[in-house]
Every structure is written in C-alpha cells, then in structure tokens.
C-alpha cells in the first residue's frame, strides 16, 4: 500500500509522512541521479519511482483530510 511505498507505518504522524516523502523524493529524484552519471535506463526507472512515491503521498494525505 501507500505506507509501504513510503516505508512508514499507518500510524505515522503527518510530519513523519511528509519527512519520508521528502527523503524518498530527494533520494530518487532524476536530476540527482544525472549528477551521479547514471544511464538513461536508470532515469526512466527513477521517474516511475518518483511518480509512485508522489502518488502514495497524495493518497495518504487525501485519506487523512477530514
């Protein structure tokens, strides 16, 4: 589920959710990987991964809105 994608438990606070999201996005951001000189094929995977992370974050955020 969305929590697993972010590597946190369902009882994580909103702040923890945001922190996990930001950490993962910075770790997997395509621009960061370009700087490390990774090949194009890795870039595609990174883009897919960041989209997945973003979607998981939005899913959690939306589900927490009262």
Protein backbone atom coordinates (compact mmCIF):
# COMPACT_ATOMS: atom_id res chain seq x y z
CA UNK A 1 0.00 0.00 0.00
CA UNK A 2 0.86 3.68 0.09
CA UNK A 3 2.51 3.41 3.51
CA UNK A 4 4.75 0.58 2.34
CA UNK A 5 5.88 2.66 -0.66
CA UNK A 6 6.98 5.40 1.74
CA UNK A 7 8.47 2.87 4.15
CA UNK A 8 6.39 4.00 7.12
CA UNK A 9 3.62 2.52 9.25
CA UNK A 10 -0.02 3.56 9.02
CA UNK A 11 0.20 5.22 12.43
CA UNK A 12 2.98 7.57 11.37
CA UNK A 13 2.25 11.24 12.11
CA UNK A 14 1.56 13.67 9.28
CA UNK A 15 5.01 15.15 9.86
CA UNK A 16 6.62 11.70 9.56
CA UNK A 17 4.69 11.05 6.35
CA UNK A 18 5.94 14.32 4.87
CA UNK A 19 9.50 13.66 6.02
CA UNK A 20 9.54 10.16 4.49
CA UNK A 21 8.10 11.55 1.25
CA UNK A 22 10.70 14.33 1.02
CA UNK A 23 13.56 11.96 1.83
CA UNK A 24 12.50 9.45 -0.82
CA UNK A 25 11.90 12.13 -3.42
CA UNK A 26 15.36 13.60 -2.91
CA UNK A 27 16.98 10.14 -2.95
CA UNK A 28 15.23 9.13 -6.16
CA UNK A 29 14.99 12.43 -7.99
CA UNK A 30 16.09 12.06 -11.63
CA UNK A 31 18.13 15.28 -11.53
CA UNK A 32 20.14 13.98 -8.58
CA UNK A 33 20.82 10.74 -10.42
CA UNK A 34 22.00 12.58 -13.54
CA UNK A 35 24.63 14.27 -11.39
CA UNK A 36 25.82 10.81 -10.37
CA UNK A 37 26.18 9.90 -14.04
CA UNK A 38 23.60 7.13 -14.19
CA UNK A 39 22.48 5.84 -17.60
CA UNK A 40 19.20 6.80 -19.29
CA UNK A 41 17.58 3.46 -18.45
CA UNK A 42 18.02 4.26 -14.76
CA UNK A 43 16.43 7.67 -15.33
CA UNK A 44 13.23 6.06 -16.60
CA UNK A 45 13.06 3.84 -13.53
CA UNK A 46 13.73 6.85 -11.29
CA UNK A 47 10.90 8.82 -12.92
CA UNK A 48 8.49 5.91 -12.42
CA UNK A 49 9.61 5.56 -8.83
CA UNK A 50 9.17 9.24 -8.02
CA UNK A 51 5.68 9.14 -9.57
CA UNK A 52 4.84 6.16 -7.38
CA UNK A 53 6.18 7.91 -4.28
CA UNK A 54 4.23 11.09 -5.09
CA UNK A 55 1.03 9.12 -5.67
CA UNK A 56 1.46 7.24 -2.38
CA UNK A 57 2.00 10.51 -0.54
CA UNK A 58 -1.08 12.10 -2.13
CA UNK A 59 -3.17 9.03 -1.34
CA UNK A 60 -2.20 9.18 2.33
CA UNK A 61 -2.65 12.94 2.51
CA UNK A 62 -6.09 12.79 0.90
CA UNK A 63 -7.21 9.92 3.12
CA UNK A 64 -6.23 11.94 6.21
CA UNK A 65 -8.18 15.03 5.25
CA UNK A 66 -11.25 15.25 7.46
